[in-house]
Amino acid sequence: MSFLYRPSQKVGGRGCGGEHSEAVFSSRVCRACPLCLWWVPSMRACPILSASFRCETCSEEEAKYRCPRCMKYSCSLLCVKKHKLALSCNGIRDKTSFISVNEFTDLNLLSDYRFLEDVGRTADAAARDLSVHRPTTNKFINYLRNRARRHNINLKTLPIGFTKRRENSTIFNKKEQKFYWHLKLVFPHCHAEYTLKRVPEDKTLTDILKPYIDPVESDPVVCQRLKIYTMSPQSDVRILMKIENRKQNSIRYNELDASRSLLENLKNKVIIEYPTLFVVLKKLKNDMVVLGQGKHIFISCYSILRYFS
């Protein structure tokens, strides 16, 4: 069934204040009016909309999409990705943004209602998730420690209430007889951090880093943010892990073997809650001193001072 809208008629029953040219309204060609967000005839049939709402990225094509977060118009997937990189936009509508009483509509009320429903659903799902409650019991914590000790891993846990204690989602699968680790990746040169959940212990560090620094397999958004890593050769990438239980003025790091599995790299090491891996580049300067290399640096500096004194 189709309807005929005349130029003087406000479209959508609500109206956006603009005059639309006469066009046949069909469910197959209709689009959401960018002003009032109601279904209107195709923007190609409306000279006012087609001239006013063009892609804000390339400024050439007619806008087809509108970002729910920053309200920018785009014409294609390429322009959508470009605007996300340029404005650091995640494309997710901010459901908690402030709206004045004068601008508050029925749609905003419905959005708030659905937001509260989502919050209630998430809270209920978290209450039913056994993995959230298991780490709070001493029995489960002791079980993880004993299993880690059998793998020559000194696993230590923090008291209830600490952030790392709440974040930790590490489990031991009895059927498969292996750990699934909660893992944090830190990229200091880009000031970026990523959290991975349920990483199997037999997965190599190279495979773990592929979705982040591999120029082919990495996500385009992540690849752009970690551009300095993706453009560097794999031989320049170093994976470090902080040595625990050392004084603040003598922090050292262990260098891990990317070709080996996560379990092999964690053996004979102390881990507090879960492993945190620092991914650095050899060619860039950093303040992380690898165990066994700090002494050589000290001696070289000392010899230089004696030479010039």
Protein backbone atom coordinates (compact mmCIF):
# COMPACT_ATOMS: atom_id res chain seq x y z
CA MET A 1 0.00 0.00 0.00
CA SER A 2 1.36 3.48 -0.87
CA PHE A 3 0.53 7.01 0.18
CA LEU A 4 0.91 10.30 -1.66
CA TYR A 5 2.37 13.22 0.33
CA ARG A 6 1.93 16.76 -0.93
CA PRO A 7 4.55 19.54 -0.56
CA SER A 8 2.57 21.38 2.12
CA GLN A 9 2.09 18.30 4.27
CA LYS A 10 4.40 17.57 7.21
CA VAL A 11 5.81 14.12 6.78
CA GLY A 12 5.66 11.33 9.33
CA GLY A 13 2.73 12.69 11.29
CA ARG A 14 5.19 14.66 13.41
CA GLY A 15 6.91 16.83 10.89
CA CYS A 16 10.41 18.25 10.75
CA GLY A 17 9.42 21.74 9.71
CA GLY A 18 10.62 21.33 6.13
CA GLU A 19 8.63 21.11 2.92
CA HIS A 20 8.95 17.83 1.04
CA SER A 21 8.33 17.48 -2.66
CA GLU A 22 5.47 15.31 -3.82
CA ALA A 23 6.55 11.67 -3.79
CA VAL A 24 5.07 8.23 -3.30
CA PHE A 25 5.75 6.76 0.14
CA SER A 26 6.66 3.09 -0.07
CA SER A 27 8.18 0.79 2.51
CA ARG A 28 10.84 -0.24 0.04
CA VAL A 29 12.19 3.22 -0.75
CA CYS A 30 11.46 5.11 2.46
CA ARG A 31 14.17 6.41 4.78
CA ALA A 32 14.32 8.04 8.19
CA CYS A 33 14.11 11.82 8.00
CA PRO A 34 17.44 13.18 9.39
CA LEU A 35 15.57 15.96 11.22
CA CYS A 36 12.56 14.27 12.81
CA LEU A 37 13.75 10.60 12.53
CA TRP A 38 10.40 9.52 11.09
CA TRP A 39 9.96 7.57 7.87
CA VAL A 40 9.82 9.87 4.86
CA PRO A 41 10.06 9.40 1.08
CA SER A 42 13.49 8.75 -0.39
CA MET A 43 15.85 11.69 -0.04
CA ARG A 44 16.48 11.50 -3.78
CA ALA A 45 12.88 12.56 -4.27
CA CYS A 46 13.32 15.55 -1.95
CA PRO A 47 15.53 18.32 -3.38
CA ILE A 48 15.81 20.06 0.01
CA LEU A 49 17.09 16.99 1.87
CA SER A 50 19.29 15.77 -0.97
CA ALA A 51 21.07 19.13 -1.10
CA SER A 52 21.35 19.64 2.66
CA PHE A 53 22.38 16.22 3.92
CA ARG A 54 25.52 15.10 2.16
CA CYS A 55 28.32 12.98 3.52
CA GLU A 56 30.28 15.03 6.06
CA THR A 57 33.44 13.01 5.39
CA CYS A 58 33.84 13.22 1.61
CA SER A 59 31.22 15.94 0.94
CA GLU A 60 30.46 14.32 -2.42
CA GLU A 61 27.84 11.61 -2.08
CA GLU A 62 24.38 11.65 -0.56
CA ALA A 63 24.33 10.70 3.12
CA LYS A 64 22.94 7.23 3.81
CA TYR A 65 23.98 6.69 7.43
CA ARG A 66 24.04 8.77 10.58
CA CYS A 67 26.32 8.00 13.50
CA PRO A 68 24.20 7.41 16.62
CA ARG A 69 26.87 8.97 18.83
CA CYS A 70 28.22 12.09 17.11
CA MET A 71 25.34 12.51 14.60
CA LYS A 72 27.72 12.80 11.63
CA TYR A 73 26.42 11.84 8.19
CA SER A 74 28.24 9.27 6.04
CA CYS A 75 27.67 7.77 2.63
CA SER A 76 29.54 4.47 2.82
CA LEU A 77 31.30 2.05 5.13
CA LEU A 78 34.66 3.60 4.19
CA CYS A 79 33.52 7.06 5.26
CA VAL A 80 32.06 5.62 8.46
CA LYS A 81 35.44 4.12 9.38
CA LYS A 82 37.25 7.34 8.44
CA HIS A 83 35.04 9.46 10.68
CA LYS A 84 35.49 7.02 13.57
CA LEU A 85 39.27 7.29 13.30
CA ALA A 86 39.26 11.06 12.86
CA LEU A 87 36.93 11.77 15.79
CA SER A 88 37.83 8.73 17.97
CA CYS A 89 34.16 7.77 17.83
CA ASN A 90 32.99 4.27 18.70
CA GLY A 91 29.63 4.66 16.94
CA ILE A 92 27.62 3.68 20.02
CA ARG A 93 24.85 6.04 21.05
CA ASP A 94 25.39 7.67 24.42
CA LYS A 95 22.25 6.64 26.26
CA THR A 96 23.17 8.75 29.30
CA SER A 97 23.71 12.05 27.50
CA PHE A 98 21.93 15.07 28.94
CA ILE A 99 18.68 16.18 27.29
CA SER A 100 16.88 19.31 28.43
CA VAL A 101 13.21 19.20 29.39
CA ASN A 102 12.25 21.28 26.36
CA GLU A 103 13.85 18.76 23.99
CA PHE A 104 12.66 15.65 25.85
CA THR A 105 10.28 13.61 23.69
CA ASP A 106 8.47 10.29 23.79
CA LEU A 107 11.38 8.69 21.95
CA ASN A 108 13.78 9.78 24.71
CA LEU A 109 11.41 8.37 27.32
CA LEU A 110 11.27 5.06 25.47
CA SER A 111 15.07 5.06 25.17
CA ASP A 112 15.47 5.61 28.92
CA TYR A 113 12.99 2.83 29.64
CA ARG A 114 14.88 0.38 27.42
CA PHE A 115 18.17 1.47 28.98
CA LEU A 116 16.86 0.60 32.44
CA GLU A 117 15.66 -2.74 31.10
CA ASP A 118 19.16 -3.45 29.71
CA VAL A 119 20.73 -2.55 33.05
CA GLY A 120 18.37 -4.89 34.87
CA ARG A 121 19.03 -7.67 32.37
CA THR A 122 22.80 -7.25 32.69
CA ALA A 123 22.64 -7.23 36.49
CA ASP A 124 20.51 -10.38 36.45
CA ALA A 125 22.92 -12.13 34.05
CA ALA A 126 25.88 -11.18 36.26
CA ALA A 127 24.10 -12.57 39.31
CA ARG A 128 23.60 -15.89 37.50
CA ASP A 129 27.19 -16.12 36.18
CA LEU A 130 29.03 -18.63 38.35
CA SER A 131 32.46 -17.40 37.24
CA VAL A 132 31.76 -14.06 38.95
CA HIS A 133 31.12 -15.68 42.32
CA ARG A 134 33.62 -18.53 42.24
CA PRO A 135 36.75 -16.39 42.75
CA THR A 136 35.26 -14.98 45.98
CA THR A 137 35.32 -18.41 47.67
CA ASN A 138 38.49 -19.61 49.35
CA LYS A 139 37.90 -23.13 48.04
CA PHE A 140 38.04 -22.03 44.41
CA ILE A 141 41.06 -19.78 45.01
CA ASN A 142 42.98 -22.56 46.72
CA TYR A 143 42.09 -24.90 43.87
CA LEU A 144 43.52 -22.47 41.30
CA ARG A 145 46.69 -22.02 43.35
CA ASN A 146 47.24 -25.77 43.65
CA ARG A 147 46.68 -26.32 39.94
CA ALA A 148 49.06 -23.48 39.10
CA ARG A 149 51.66 -24.92 41.48
CA ARG A 150 51.54 -28.21 39.57
CA HIS A 151 52.49 -26.22 36.46
CA ASN A 152 55.39 -24.56 38.35
CA ILE A 153 53.52 -21.24 38.47
CA ASN A 154 53.44 -19.27 41.71
CA LEU A 155 49.93 -17.80 41.56
CA LYS A 156 49.08 -15.24 44.24
CA THR A 157 45.69 -13.63 44.84
CA LEU A 158 44.62 -10.34 46.38
CA PRO A 159 41.97 -9.84 49.08
CA ILE A 160 38.35 -9.40 48.06
CA GLY A 161 37.63 -5.82 47.00
CA PHE A 162 40.80 -5.18 44.99
CA THR A 163 40.30 -4.24 41.35
CA LYS A 164 42.45 -7.06 39.98
CA ARG A 165 40.55 -9.53 42.15
CA ARG A 166 37.23 -8.41 40.68
CA GLU A 167 38.56 -8.35 37.11
CA ASN A 168 40.17 -11.78 37.20
CA SER A 169 38.24 -14.35 35.16
CA THR A 170 40.89 -17.10 35.13
CA ILE A 171 39.49 -20.64 35.35
CA PHE A 172 40.81 -24.18 35.18
CA ASN A 173 38.89 -26.56 32.94
CA LYS A 174 38.81 -29.97 34.64
CA LYS A 175 37.68 -31.79 31.51
CA GLU A 176 40.47 -30.39 29.33
CA GLN A 177 42.92 -30.17 32.24
CA LYS A 178 44.22 -26.72 31.30
CA PHE A 179 44.02 -23.09 32.33
CA TYR A 180 42.04 -20.38 30.60
CA TRP A 181 43.78 -17.17 31.64
CA HIS A 182 42.59 -13.63 32.11
CA LEU A 183 45.23 -11.63 30.25
CA LYS A 184 46.05 -7.94 29.89
CA LEU A 185 48.10 -6.57 27.00
CA VAL A 186 49.79 -3.18 27.41
CA PHE A 187 51.23 -1.24 24.45
CA PRO A 188 53.24 1.57 26.11
CA HIS A 189 54.28 3.34 22.89
CA CYS A 190 50.62 3.90 21.96
CA HIS A 191 49.23 4.24 25.51
CA ALA A 192 46.80 1.41 24.80
CA GLU A 193 45.58 -1.50 26.91
CA TYR A 194 43.49 -4.51 25.93
CA THR A 195 41.96 -7.19 28.15
CA LEU A 196 41.53 -10.77 26.97
CA LYS A 197 39.36 -13.33 28.74
CA ARG A 198 39.64 -17.11 28.73
CA VAL A 199 42.92 -17.36 26.81
CA PRO A 200 43.94 -21.05 26.60
CA GLU A 201 47.32 -21.86 28.11
CA ASP A 202 48.55 -23.71 25.02
CA LYS A 203 48.16 -20.69 22.74
CA THR A 204 51.42 -19.10 21.63
CA LEU A 205 52.15 -15.44 22.30
CA THR A 206 52.47 -14.84 18.56
CA ASP A 207 48.90 -16.04 18.01
CA ILE A 208 47.70 -13.95 20.94
CA LEU A 209 49.19 -10.77 19.44
CA LYS A 210 48.06 -11.40 15.86
CA PRO A 211 44.67 -9.64 16.21
CA TYR A 212 46.52 -6.53 17.41
CA ILE A 213 49.84 -6.07 15.61
CA ASP A 214 49.56 -8.28 12.55
CA PRO A 215 49.06 -5.97 9.51
CA VAL A 216 46.81 -8.54 7.78
CA GLU A 217 44.76 -10.20 10.54
CA SER A 218 44.37 -7.26 12.93
CA ASP A 219 41.17 -5.25 13.22
CA PRO A 220 41.32 -2.01 11.12
CA VAL A 221 40.49 0.25 14.08
CA VAL A 222 42.99 -1.49 16.37
CA CYS A 223 45.57 -1.56 13.57
CA GLN A 224 45.27 2.20 13.13
CA ARG A 225 45.69 2.83 16.85
CA LEU A 226 48.71 0.49 17.06
CA LYS A 227 50.14 1.70 13.76
CA ILE A 228 53.66 2.01 15.12
CA TYR A 229 53.60 -1.72 15.97
CA THR A 230 52.01 -2.96 12.75
CA MET A 231 54.51 -1.03 10.63
CA SER A 232 57.50 -2.44 12.53
CA PRO A 233 59.03 -5.84 11.68
CA GLN A 234 58.04 -8.70 13.94
CA SER A 235 61.68 -9.15 14.96
CA ASP A 236 61.60 -5.75 16.71
CA VAL A 237 58.68 -6.70 18.95
CA ARG A 238 59.56 -7.66 22.51
CA ILE A 239 57.16 -9.09 25.07
CA LEU A 240 57.97 -8.31 28.69
CA MET A 241 56.40 -9.27 32.00
CA LYS A 242 57.05 -7.49 35.26
CA ILE A 243 58.89 -9.43 37.97
CA GLU A 244 56.79 -9.29 41.12
CA ASN A 245 57.96 -8.87 44.72
CA ARG A 246 60.78 -6.44 43.96
CA LYS A 247 61.46 -3.05 45.48
CA GLN A 248 60.01 0.01 43.77
CA ASN A 249 63.46 1.36 42.86
CA SER A 250 64.62 -1.92 41.30
CA ILE A 251 61.80 -2.93 38.98
CA ARG A 252 62.86 -5.52 36.40
CA TYR A 253 61.11 -7.40 33.59
CA ASN A 254 61.38 -10.87 32.12
CA GLU A 255 61.54 -11.14 28.34
CA LEU A 256 59.20 -13.82 27.03
CA ASP A 257 59.53 -16.06 23.99
CA ALA A 258 56.80 -15.23 21.47
CA SER A 259 57.13 -18.60 19.74
CA ARG A 260 56.31 -20.53 22.93
CA SER A 261 52.94 -21.06 24.55
CA LEU A 262 51.56 -18.95 27.35
CA LEU A 263 52.02 -21.79 29.83
CA GLU A 264 55.71 -22.26 28.97
CA ASN A 265 56.35 -18.55 29.43
CA LEU A 266 54.59 -18.44 32.80
CA LYS A 267 56.50 -21.35 34.35
CA ASN A 268 58.79 -20.53 37.30
CA LYS A 269 57.31 -17.03 37.59
CA VAL A 270 55.24 -15.20 40.19
CA ILE A 271 51.83 -13.99 38.99
CA ILE A 272 49.50 -11.78 40.99
CA GLU A 273 45.93 -12.60 39.94
CA TYR A 274 46.60 -12.68 36.17
CA PRO A 275 49.48 -12.04 33.74
CA THR A 276 50.09 -8.55 32.35
CA LEU A 277 52.23 -8.48 29.19
CA PHE A 278 54.03 -5.34 27.98
CA VAL A 279 54.59 -5.20 24.22
CA VAL A 280 57.51 -2.90 23.35
CA LEU A 281 59.75 -2.22 20.35
CA LYS A 282 63.51 -2.55 20.39
CA LYS A 283 64.14 0.57 18.33
CA LEU A 284 62.16 2.83 20.67
CA LYS A 285 63.50 3.99 24.00
CA ASN A 286 61.70 2.84 27.13
CA ASP A 287 62.42 2.74 30.86
CA MET A 288 61.85 -1.00 31.23
CA VAL A 289 64.98 -2.83 32.36
CA VAL A 290 65.11 -6.50 31.42
CA LEU A 291 66.51 -8.82 34.05
CA GLY A 292 70.20 -9.48 33.35
CA GLN A 293 70.66 -6.38 31.21
CA GLY A 294 70.55 -3.66 33.85
CA LYS A 295 73.99 -4.59 35.17
CA HIS A 296 75.59 -4.21 31.73
CA ILE A 297 74.01 -0.80 31.30
CA PHE A 298 75.31 0.31 34.72
CA ILE A 299 78.84 -0.86 33.98
CA SER A 300 78.94 0.86 30.61
CA CYS A 301 77.76 4.16 32.11
CA TYR A 302 80.25 3.84 34.96
CA SER A 303 83.13 3.22 32.57
CA ILE A 304 82.17 6.26 30.52
CA LEU A 305 82.16 8.45 33.63
CA ARG A 306 85.62 7.19 34.62
CA TYR A 307 86.94 7.78 31.11
CA PHE A 308 85.91 11.44 31.08
CA SER A 309 86.87 12.16 34.72
